[in-house]
Amino acid sequence: MERLHNQGQGIEVMQVLKKWAVVVSAAMLIVIGISGGATEAAAAKGTPISVYLNGKKQTFDQPPVIVNGATLVPLRGIFEGLGAKISLNGKTITATKGFTTIVHTIGQYGALVDGERVTMSQSSIVLKGRTLVPLRFIGEALDSKVSWDAGKRQVTVTALKGNELQARWAEKADTFVWSGKLDKLKQMLKYGWKPALSEQAWVGSVLTKNKDIVKLFLDNGASVNVIATDEDGGNLALLEAATLPYRVIANGDMIETSQTSDLELLRLLLAAKPAIKELEQEIGSLLWTPASYNRLLIAQELINAGASVKSDGERKFSAPLVGAAGYVDQDGNRAIEMMELLLKNGADANDCNCNPLEEYTALEYASGILYDAEDGSTEHKPDVRAVQLMLQYGADPKLDSSLYEAVAADSIDVVKLLLEKGADPNKLHPVVEQTPLELARENSNRELIALLEEKAKA
């Protein structure tokens, strides 16, 4: 099964989702080693360094120098050559091109690129009255490709275009999404950014549940049918992310969200008319997540939109009813209303779509003990109403080991219900290889033993 189906599913989903909370830096970490003495030595050694910007050789009033493998060039010459406007306030340099802003203080070991701090191993320097800055850092921050030909001692700087530029902007968009910078994303649009090509940022906007940013993506051609894949091969549809009871923040933590707020986000996505049937062929029913978290309003909205209440029938994905039956809150309350919603809309009470040696059926979950998802040790007894509901809609205890689970829970009332529907006291549990009657005798529960022995004789 690709779905999480046990009582600890909330914790496991969080662990999966942390992998999506990756903030991509707006600029690469550049290694710049520099010292006064090394600079002078490098400047005096070998063939002069040439710099070509978009095919044109550049002339600087202070020749470029190489220090510990990094090329440094005069500040004003490179910024203006790349089309940036610069201003100086004491030792602080501010350069702006399009939607990109770079702030760097001479002598410090870092810079701010669009508000995000980028660390450098060595600062820019002042040499012979001129401020020199690292060429690769500046070029790449301003969306250019920088290459070095050691044989010619030549640096080539070429402005990115087309798909290469969109790929660079996709990285920046991802950073802006995770930091909630809607204004920056709007600026990017003015300069030709295509949100539909920034899939990782698009996924991030839904995970962070920033409805304004989600709307920006939708209004600019982003597909609502995206299924993201993490590094372990796990799949997550955008619609599923919207139904989770939390949003993800940049450091990977989860912040609880209300069902009302998430319903608004879901409706935004549903308005884009997702291909629900096709999505469910890839990932199983979209109802699995809201059913597993007992999010009734969201489940109803998805049912209204055409989401399936059934499994895929191919043992790839569990039925939503199994997720609902496996839910219990910290007070021991079962998801009875959710189970009823699914059953009323056509869910099969016997649809496990699972390997009984590895997974529980919905009736087994309803009949047995469930454990608290937070600490994993607190036991919650079965609720008779959940079992009654399942039996009312045709759940057959002869098909699974629900009677064994009820005996293990010492639930007389549930045992009686299951016996009335034909559960067999002598049916061997496929994993523990023990019958319900043998378990009752082992636990010395006289009332249960009497009930089971009477049924066994009959």
Protein backbone atom coordinates (compact mmCIF):
# COMPACT_ATOMS: atom_id res chain seq x y z
CA MET A 1 0.00 0.00 0.00
CA GLU A 2 1.25 3.45 -0.81
CA ARG A 3 -1.11 5.00 1.72
CA LEU A 4 -0.42 5.49 5.41
CA HIS A 5 -3.13 3.58 7.24
CA ASN A 6 -2.22 3.04 10.89
CA GLN A 7 -3.03 5.16 13.89
CA GLY A 8 0.32 6.91 13.72
CA GLN A 9 -0.43 8.15 10.22
CA GLY A 10 -0.38 11.83 11.21
CA ILE A 11 3.20 11.59 12.45
CA GLU A 12 4.30 9.65 9.36
CA VAL A 13 2.70 12.16 6.97
CA MET A 14 4.52 14.97 8.80
CA GLN A 15 7.81 13.14 8.32
CA VAL A 16 7.09 12.80 4.59
CA LEU A 17 6.05 16.39 4.20
CA LYS A 18 9.17 17.77 5.91
CA LYS A 19 10.99 16.68 2.78
CA TRP A 20 8.96 19.17 0.76
CA ALA A 21 9.81 22.10 3.01
CA VAL A 22 13.09 22.99 1.22
CA VAL A 23 13.94 26.64 0.83
CA VAL A 24 16.08 27.17 -2.25
CA SER A 25 18.57 30.02 -1.79
CA ALA A 26 18.27 32.90 -4.22
CA ALA A 27 21.98 32.77 -5.01
CA MET A 28 24.73 30.19 -4.82
CA LEU A 29 27.19 30.10 -1.94
CA ILE A 30 30.34 31.58 -3.42
CA VAL A 31 33.76 30.81 -2.04
CA ILE A 32 35.92 33.90 -2.13
CA GLY A 33 39.28 33.76 -0.48
CA ILE A 34 41.03 37.10 -0.24
CA SER A 35 43.85 38.92 1.52
CA GLY A 36 45.75 42.09 0.72
CA GLY A 37 49.09 40.41 0.06
CA ALA A 38 47.57 37.61 -2.03
CA THR A 39 45.69 40.15 -4.14
CA GLU A 40 48.82 42.07 -5.09
CA ALA A 41 50.63 38.83 -5.94
CA ALA A 42 47.81 37.59 -8.13
CA ALA A 43 47.44 40.87 -9.97
CA ALA A 44 51.10 40.91 -10.93
CA LYS A 45 51.30 37.33 -12.09
CA GLY A 46 50.65 35.94 -15.59
CA THR A 47 48.55 37.12 -18.50
CA PRO A 48 46.02 39.86 -17.73
CA ILE A 49 42.51 38.60 -17.07
CA SER A 50 39.92 39.44 -19.71
CA VAL A 51 36.19 39.71 -19.08
CA TYR A 52 33.57 39.30 -21.80
CA LEU A 53 30.02 40.41 -21.05
CA ASN A 54 27.41 39.17 -23.53
CA GLY A 55 30.15 38.81 -26.16
CA LYS A 56 31.74 42.23 -25.61
CA LYS A 57 35.16 42.62 -24.01
CA GLN A 58 35.06 44.84 -20.94
CA THR A 59 37.55 47.53 -20.04
CA PHE A 60 37.98 48.43 -16.37
CA ASP A 61 39.98 51.27 -14.81
CA GLN A 62 41.32 48.67 -12.34
CA PRO A 63 42.25 45.33 -13.97
CA PRO A 64 40.50 42.19 -12.60
CA VAL A 65 42.46 40.10 -10.13
CA ILE A 66 42.31 36.45 -9.12
CA VAL A 67 42.50 35.65 -5.43
CA ASN A 68 42.40 32.06 -4.24
CA GLY A 69 40.56 31.01 -7.39
CA ALA A 70 38.00 33.83 -7.41
CA THR A 71 37.90 36.67 -9.94
CA LEU A 72 37.30 40.15 -8.53
CA VAL A 73 36.36 43.12 -10.71
CA PRO A 74 35.60 46.81 -10.10
CA LEU A 75 32.20 47.24 -8.51
CA ARG A 76 30.69 49.95 -10.72
CA GLY A 77 31.95 48.46 -13.96
CA ILE A 78 30.37 45.03 -13.44
CA PHE A 79 27.09 46.22 -11.96
CA GLU A 80 26.49 48.78 -14.69
CA GLY A 81 27.68 46.35 -17.35
CA LEU A 82 24.99 43.90 -16.20
CA GLY A 83 22.33 46.61 -16.29
CA ALA A 84 22.02 47.21 -12.57
CA LYS A 85 21.57 50.57 -10.90
CA ILE A 86 23.81 51.11 -7.90
CA SER A 87 23.93 53.47 -4.96
CA LEU A 88 26.49 53.90 -2.18
CA ASN A 89 25.74 54.84 1.39
CA GLY A 90 29.01 54.86 3.22
CA LYS A 91 30.33 51.33 2.83
CA THR A 92 26.94 49.85 1.88
CA ILE A 93 26.34 49.05 -1.77
CA THR A 94 22.77 48.64 -3.06
CA ALA A 95 22.31 47.30 -6.60
CA THR A 96 18.95 46.84 -8.32
CA LYS A 97 18.07 45.15 -11.58
CA GLY A 98 14.49 44.24 -12.37
CA PHE A 99 13.03 42.55 -9.30
CA THR A 100 16.46 41.69 -7.85
CA THR A 101 18.10 43.77 -5.12
CA ILE A 102 21.59 43.12 -3.75
CA VAL A 103 22.82 44.82 -0.60
CA HIS A 104 26.46 44.37 0.42
CA THR A 105 28.65 46.22 2.90
CA ILE A 106 32.29 46.44 1.93
CA GLY A 107 34.40 44.48 4.36
CA GLN A 108 31.62 42.15 5.48
CA TYR A 109 31.39 38.44 4.72
CA GLY A 110 28.00 38.27 3.08
CA ALA A 111 25.23 40.01 1.19
CA LEU A 112 21.46 40.21 1.07
CA VAL A 113 19.93 39.07 -2.20
CA ASP A 114 16.24 39.95 -2.27
CA GLY A 115 16.26 39.96 1.50
CA GLU A 116 17.87 36.51 1.85
CA ARG A 117 21.33 36.39 3.42
CA VAL A 118 24.04 34.79 1.29
CA THR A 119 27.27 33.89 3.07
CA MET A 120 30.66 34.39 1.45
CA SER A 121 33.97 33.07 2.74
CA GLN A 122 35.65 36.44 2.16
CA SER A 123 34.41 39.96 1.64
CA SER A 124 34.97 42.35 -1.22
CA ILE A 125 38.05 44.58 -0.92
CA VAL A 126 39.37 48.02 -1.77
CA LEU A 127 42.45 47.93 -4.00
CA LYS A 128 44.27 51.05 -5.24
CA GLY A 129 41.26 53.19 -4.44
CA ARG A 130 38.77 50.89 -6.22
CA THR A 131 36.23 48.53 -4.68
CA LEU A 132 36.49 45.02 -6.17
CA VAL A 133 33.64 42.52 -5.91
CA PRO A 134 33.42 38.80 -6.79
CA LEU A 135 32.36 38.50 -10.42
CA ARG A 136 30.66 35.09 -10.25
CA PHE A 137 28.55 36.07 -7.25
CA ILE A 138 27.35 39.28 -8.88
CA GLY A 139 26.79 37.68 -12.28
CA GLU A 140 24.74 34.77 -11.02
CA ALA A 141 22.73 36.90 -8.59
CA LEU A 142 21.78 39.06 -11.60
CA ASP A 143 20.72 36.05 -13.70
CA SER A 144 23.80 35.50 -15.83
CA LYS A 145 25.92 32.46 -16.57
CA VAL A 146 29.59 32.82 -15.61
CA SER A 147 32.34 30.59 -17.01
CA TRP A 148 36.14 30.58 -16.69
CA ASP A 149 38.67 29.57 -19.34
CA ALA A 150 41.91 28.95 -17.45
CA GLY A 151 44.02 28.65 -20.61
CA LYS A 152 42.96 32.06 -21.88
CA ARG A 153 42.53 33.54 -18.41
CA GLN A 154 39.15 34.67 -19.63
CA VAL A 155 35.82 35.09 -17.84
CA THR A 156 32.66 34.96 -19.93
CA VAL A 157 29.43 36.38 -18.56
CA THR A 158 26.24 35.70 -20.52
CA ALA A 159 22.75 36.80 -19.61
CA LEU A 160 20.39 33.86 -19.19
CA LYS A 161 17.49 33.64 -21.62
CA GLY A 162 14.50 31.43 -22.37
CA ASN A 163 14.25 28.19 -20.41
CA GLU A 164 17.56 28.78 -18.60
CA LEU A 165 16.28 32.08 -17.27
CA GLN A 166 12.94 30.54 -16.25
CA ALA A 167 14.83 27.79 -14.41
CA ARG A 168 16.85 30.39 -12.48
CA TRP A 169 13.68 32.33 -11.70
CA ALA A 170 11.99 29.14 -10.55
CA GLU A 171 14.62 28.87 -7.79
CA LYS A 172 14.00 32.46 -6.78
CA ALA A 173 10.23 31.96 -6.88
CA ASP A 174 10.59 29.00 -4.53
CA THR A 175 12.46 31.17 -2.03
CA PHE A 176 9.82 33.91 -2.28
CA VAL A 177 7.00 31.41 -1.77
CA TRP A 178 8.46 29.93 1.40
CA SER A 179 9.14 33.42 2.78
CA GLY A 180 5.65 34.61 1.79
CA LYS A 181 6.87 37.42 -0.48
CA LEU A 182 3.84 37.97 -2.68
CA ASP A 183 5.13 41.40 -3.73
CA LYS A 184 8.33 39.86 -5.13
CA LEU A 185 6.36 37.28 -7.10
CA LYS A 186 4.22 40.04 -8.59
CA GLN A 187 7.38 41.90 -9.58
CA MET A 188 8.70 38.76 -11.26
CA LEU A 189 5.53 38.58 -13.37
CA LYS A 190 6.23 42.04 -14.76
CA TYR A 191 9.61 40.87 -16.03
CA GLY A 192 8.32 37.74 -17.77
CA TRP A 193 8.34 35.02 -15.12
CA LYS A 194 6.05 32.10 -16.01
CA PRO A 195 4.61 30.54 -12.83
CA ALA A 196 3.53 27.41 -14.70
CA LEU A 197 7.24 26.57 -15.16
CA SER A 198 8.01 26.90 -11.43
CA GLU A 199 6.47 23.64 -10.23
CA GLN A 200 8.41 23.35 -6.98
CA ALA A 201 7.36 26.86 -5.98
CA TRP A 202 3.77 26.03 -6.97
CA VAL A 203 3.76 22.98 -4.72
CA GLY A 204 5.28 25.07 -1.95
CA SER A 205 2.53 27.66 -2.21
CA VAL A 206 -0.09 24.99 -1.47
CA LEU A 207 1.95 23.41 1.33
CA THR A 208 2.37 26.81 2.98
CA LYS A 209 -1.37 27.42 2.38
CA ASN A 210 -0.87 31.02 1.33
CA LYS A 211 -4.12 31.58 -0.53
CA ASP A 212 -3.01 34.84 -2.17
CA ILE A 213 0.07 33.17 -3.64
CA VAL A 214 -1.95 30.11 -4.68
CA LYS A 215 -4.35 32.41 -6.52
CA LEU A 216 -1.44 34.14 -8.27
CA PHE A 217 -0.21 30.77 -9.57
CA LEU A 218 -3.69 29.69 -10.67
CA ASP A 219 -4.33 33.01 -12.44
CA ASN A 220 -1.10 32.56 -14.38
CA GLY A 221 -1.51 29.07 -15.77
CA ALA A 222 -0.26 26.73 -13.04
CA SER A 223 -1.79 23.26 -13.32
CA VAL A 224 -3.95 22.04 -10.46
CA ASN A 225 -3.26 18.45 -11.53
CA VAL A 226 0.35 18.41 -10.30
CA ILE A 227 1.48 15.34 -8.37
CA ALA A 228 4.74 16.04 -6.58
CA THR A 229 7.23 13.26 -5.85
CA ASP A 230 9.65 13.35 -2.92
CA GLU A 231 13.16 11.88 -2.84
CA ASP A 232 11.83 8.53 -1.60
CA GLY A 233 9.32 8.22 -4.44
CA GLY A 234 6.26 9.17 -2.37
CA ASN A 235 3.51 11.04 -4.20
CA LEU A 236 1.46 14.00 -3.04
CA ALA A 237 -1.21 15.71 -5.12
CA LEU A 238 -1.80 19.42 -4.65
CA LEU A 239 -5.41 18.71 -3.73
CA GLU A 240 -4.22 16.37 -0.98
CA ALA A 241 -1.85 18.98 0.41
CA ALA A 242 -4.76 21.39 0.70
CA THR A 243 -6.72 18.91 2.85
CA LEU A 244 -4.00 18.32 5.45
CA PRO A 245 -4.75 19.80 8.91
CA TYR A 246 -1.58 21.89 8.94
CA ARG A 247 0.62 24.09 6.80
CA VAL A 248 4.34 23.68 6.36
CA ILE A 249 6.75 26.51 7.12
CA ALA A 250 10.25 27.10 5.77
CA ASN A 251 12.08 25.15 8.49
CA GLY A 252 9.86 22.10 7.93
CA ASP A 253 7.66 22.54 11.01
CA MET A 254 3.91 22.02 10.82
CA ILE A 255 1.45 24.67 12.01
CA GLU A 256 -2.13 23.55 12.68
CA THR A 257 -4.78 25.00 10.36
CA SER A 258 -8.55 25.20 10.70
CA GLN A 259 -10.88 23.16 8.56
CA THR A 260 -12.72 26.35 7.54
CA SER A 261 -9.54 27.98 6.26
CA ASP A 262 -8.45 24.86 4.40
CA LEU A 263 -11.89 24.56 2.85
CA GLU A 264 -11.39 27.98 1.24
CA LEU A 265 -8.06 26.84 -0.20
CA LEU A 266 -9.57 23.61 -1.48
CA ARG A 267 -12.36 25.50 -3.21
CA LEU A 268 -9.78 27.70 -4.94
CA LEU A 269 -8.14 24.58 -6.37
CA LEU A 270 -11.43 22.88 -7.24
CA ALA A 271 -12.54 25.98 -9.14
CA ALA A 272 -9.66 25.27 -11.54
CA LYS A 273 -11.47 22.02 -12.47
CA PRO A 274 -8.90 19.35 -11.60
CA ALA A 275 -8.99 15.99 -13.37
CA ILE A 276 -10.06 14.12 -10.24
CA LYS A 277 -10.61 10.74 -11.86
CA GLU A 278 -7.18 10.78 -13.49
CA LEU A 279 -5.51 11.94 -10.28
CA GLU A 280 -7.10 9.13 -8.31
CA GLN A 281 -5.83 6.58 -10.79
CA GLU A 282 -2.33 7.72 -9.85
CA ILE A 283 -2.64 8.26 -6.09
CA GLY A 284 -5.88 6.63 -4.95
CA SER A 285 -8.95 8.37 -3.55
CA LEU A 286 -8.51 12.02 -2.66
CA LEU A 287 -10.75 11.31 0.32
CA TRP A 288 -8.08 9.26 2.08
CA THR A 289 -6.41 12.22 3.81
CA PRO A 290 -9.55 14.04 5.05
CA ALA A 291 -11.07 10.70 6.10
CA SER A 292 -7.92 9.77 8.02
CA TYR A 293 -7.94 13.12 9.85
CA ASN A 294 -11.73 13.22 10.31
CA ARG A 295 -12.15 16.46 8.34
CA LEU A 296 -15.84 16.14 7.58
CA LEU A 297 -16.44 19.44 5.74
CA ILE A 298 -13.50 18.86 3.43
CA ALA A 299 -14.56 15.27 2.71
CA GLN A 300 -18.06 16.45 1.79
CA GLU A 301 -16.63 19.09 -0.55
CA LEU A 302 -14.50 16.48 -2.33
CA ILE A 303 -17.44 14.09 -2.63
CA ASN A 304 -19.47 16.90 -4.19
CA ALA A 305 -16.60 17.43 -6.65
CA GLY A 306 -16.57 13.76 -7.65
CA ALA A 307 -13.91 12.17 -5.46
CA SER A 308 -14.30 8.41 -5.06
CA VAL A 309 -15.41 6.90 -1.75
CA LYS A 310 -13.99 3.55 -2.85
CA SER A 311 -10.54 2.04 -3.23
CA ASP A 312 -8.89 1.47 -6.60
CA GLY A 313 -9.63 -2.26 -6.36
CA GLU A 314 -6.06 -3.16 -7.28
CA ARG A 315 -4.52 -3.29 -3.79
CA LYS A 316 -2.43 -0.21 -4.50
CA PHE A 317 -4.38 2.20 -2.28
CA SER A 318 -6.59 1.64 0.74
CA ALA A 319 -10.25 2.61 0.82
CA PRO A 320 -11.07 5.94 2.56
CA LEU A 321 -13.39 4.04 4.92
CA VAL A 322 -10.35 2.23 6.34
CA GLY A 323 -8.73 5.59 7.08
CA ALA A 324 -11.87 6.86 8.80
CA ALA A 325 -12.30 3.68 10.85
CA GLY A 326 -8.68 3.92 11.98
CA TYR A 327 -9.11 7.44 13.37
CA VAL A 328 -9.41 8.24 17.06
CA ASP A 329 -8.83 11.57 18.78
CA GLN A 330 -7.06 12.12 22.09
CA ASP A 331 -10.37 11.79 23.94
CA GLY A 332 -11.13 8.42 22.38
CA ASN A 333 -13.75 9.66 19.91
CA ARG A 334 -14.08 7.71 16.67
CA ALA A 335 -14.87 9.25 13.27
CA ILE A 336 -18.43 7.92 13.19
CA GLU A 337 -19.90 10.82 11.20
CA MET A 338 -17.13 10.46 8.63
CA MET A 339 -17.74 6.74 8.35
CA GLU A 340 -21.44 7.37 7.87
CA LEU A 341 -20.79 10.02 5.21
CA LEU A 342 -18.65 7.59 3.22
CA LEU A 343 -21.08 4.68 3.62
CA LYS A 344 -24.10 6.80 2.63
CA ASN A 345 -22.25 7.85 -0.52
CA GLY A 346 -21.51 4.31 -1.63
CA ALA A 347 -18.47 3.10 0.27
CA ASP A 348 -18.34 -0.69 0.54
CA ALA A 349 -18.23 -1.73 4.21
CA ASN A 350 -16.15 -4.79 3.22
CA ASP A 351 -13.79 -2.92 0.89
CA CYS A 352 -10.40 -3.30 2.48
CA ASN A 353 -8.44 -3.62 -0.77
CA CYS A 354 -5.58 -4.86 1.36
CA ASN A 355 -3.46 -7.81 2.38
CA PRO A 356 -5.08 -9.07 5.62
CA LEU A 357 -1.69 -10.26 6.84
CA GLU A 358 -0.39 -6.71 6.81
CA GLU A 359 -3.34 -4.36 7.21
CA TYR A 360 -6.60 -4.02 9.09
CA THR A 361 -10.05 -3.91 7.57
CA ALA A 362 -12.42 -1.08 8.49
CA LEU A 363 -14.45 -3.45 10.68
CA GLU A 364 -11.32 -4.66 12.46
CA TYR A 365 -10.36 -1.06 13.24
CA ALA A 366 -13.88 -0.30 14.47
CA SER A 367 -13.98 -3.44 16.64
CA GLY A 368 -10.58 -3.17 18.27
CA ILE A 369 -8.34 -0.96 20.36
CA LEU A 370 -6.83 2.14 18.74
CA TYR A 371 -3.79 3.93 20.10
CA ASP A 372 -3.26 7.63 20.55
CA ALA A 373 -1.40 9.07 17.55
CA GLU A 374 0.68 11.39 19.73
CA ASP A 375 2.22 9.05 22.30
CA GLY A 376 1.38 5.66 20.78
CA SER A 377 0.69 4.12 24.18
CA THR A 378 -2.73 5.37 25.29
CA GLU A 379 -5.38 2.78 24.47
CA HIS A 380 -8.87 3.70 23.30
CA LYS A 381 -11.60 1.07 23.49
CA PRO A 382 -13.93 0.46 20.54
CA ASP A 383 -17.15 2.44 20.18
CA VAL A 384 -20.20 0.21 19.78
CA ARG A 385 -21.84 2.81 17.54
CA ALA A 386 -19.07 2.52 14.96
CA VAL A 387 -19.47 -1.25 14.82
CA GLN A 388 -23.26 -0.97 14.60
CA LEU A 389 -22.89 1.44 11.69
CA MET A 390 -20.54 -0.88 9.83
CA LEU A 391 -22.82 -3.87 10.34
CA GLN A 392 -25.84 -1.82 9.29
CA TYR A 393 -24.15 -1.19 5.93
CA GLY A 394 -23.26 -4.82 5.39
CA ALA A 395 -19.87 -5.35 6.98
CA ASP A 396 -19.35 -9.11 7.33
CA PRO A 397 -17.33 -10.26 10.39
CA LYS A 398 -16.91 -13.68 8.80
CA LEU A 399 -14.52 -12.12 6.27
CA ASP A 400 -11.93 -10.81 8.71
CA SER A 401 -10.64 -11.06 12.28
CA SER A 402 -12.85 -8.35 13.79
CA LEU A 403 -14.12 -10.77 16.47
CA TYR A 404 -10.55 -11.45 17.57
CA GLU A 405 -9.94 -7.67 17.84
CA ALA A 406 -13.09 -7.23 19.93
CA VAL A 407 -12.03 -10.03 22.28
CA ALA A 408 -8.57 -8.47 22.59
CA ALA A 409 -10.32 -5.21 23.56
CA ASP A 410 -12.48 -7.02 26.17
CA SER A 411 -15.53 -5.42 24.60
CA ILE A 412 -18.54 -7.59 25.50
CA ASP A 413 -21.00 -5.43 23.58
CA VAL A 414 -18.98 -5.50 20.35
CA VAL A 415 -18.43 -9.25 20.66
CA LYS A 416 -22.19 -9.75 20.98
CA LEU A 417 -22.86 -7.67 17.87
CA LEU A 418 -20.31 -9.59 15.82
CA LEU A 419 -21.56 -12.98 17.01
CA GLU A 420 -25.09 -12.02 16.00
CA LYS A 421 -23.78 -11.42 12.47
CA GLY A 422 -22.13 -14.83 12.25
CA ALA A 423 -18.58 -14.23 13.49
CA ASP A 424 -16.81 -17.55 14.19
CA PRO A 425 -15.24 -18.00 17.69
CA ASN A 426 -12.98 -20.71 16.27
CA LYS A 427 -11.65 -18.76 13.29
CA LEU A 428 -7.85 -18.73 13.37
CA HIS A 429 -6.25 -15.30 13.26
CA PRO A 430 -3.90 -15.40 10.20
CA VAL A 431 -1.00 -13.65 11.96
CA VAL A 432 -1.05 -14.68 15.63
CA GLU A 433 -2.49 -18.14 14.80
CA GLN A 434 -4.95 -18.08 17.67
CA THR A 435 -8.76 -18.15 17.75
CA PRO A 436 -10.97 -15.59 19.57
CA LEU A 437 -12.07 -18.35 21.98
CA GLU A 438 -8.47 -19.29 22.76
CA LEU A 439 -7.65 -15.64 23.40
CA ALA A 440 -10.61 -15.26 25.78
CA ARG A 441 -9.48 -18.34 27.71
CA GLU A 442 -5.93 -17.00 27.83
CA ASN A 443 -7.24 -13.73 29.30
CA SER A 444 -9.52 -15.60 31.73
CA ASN A 445 -12.53 -13.47 30.80
CA ARG A 446 -15.38 -15.72 31.96
CA GLU A 447 -18.18 -13.71 30.39
CA LEU A 448 -16.48 -13.68 27.02
CA ILE A 449 -15.60 -17.37 27.30
CA ALA A 450 -19.25 -18.22 27.99
CA LEU A 451 -20.48 -16.16 25.04
CA LEU A 452 -17.95 -17.63 22.63
CA GLU A 453 -18.40 -21.24 23.81
CA GLU A 454 -22.15 -20.98 23.43
CA LYS A 455 -21.78 -19.68 19.88
CA ALA A 456 -19.18 -22.34 19.07
CA LYS A 457 -21.55 -25.11 20.18
CA ALA A 458 -24.38 -23.65 18.14
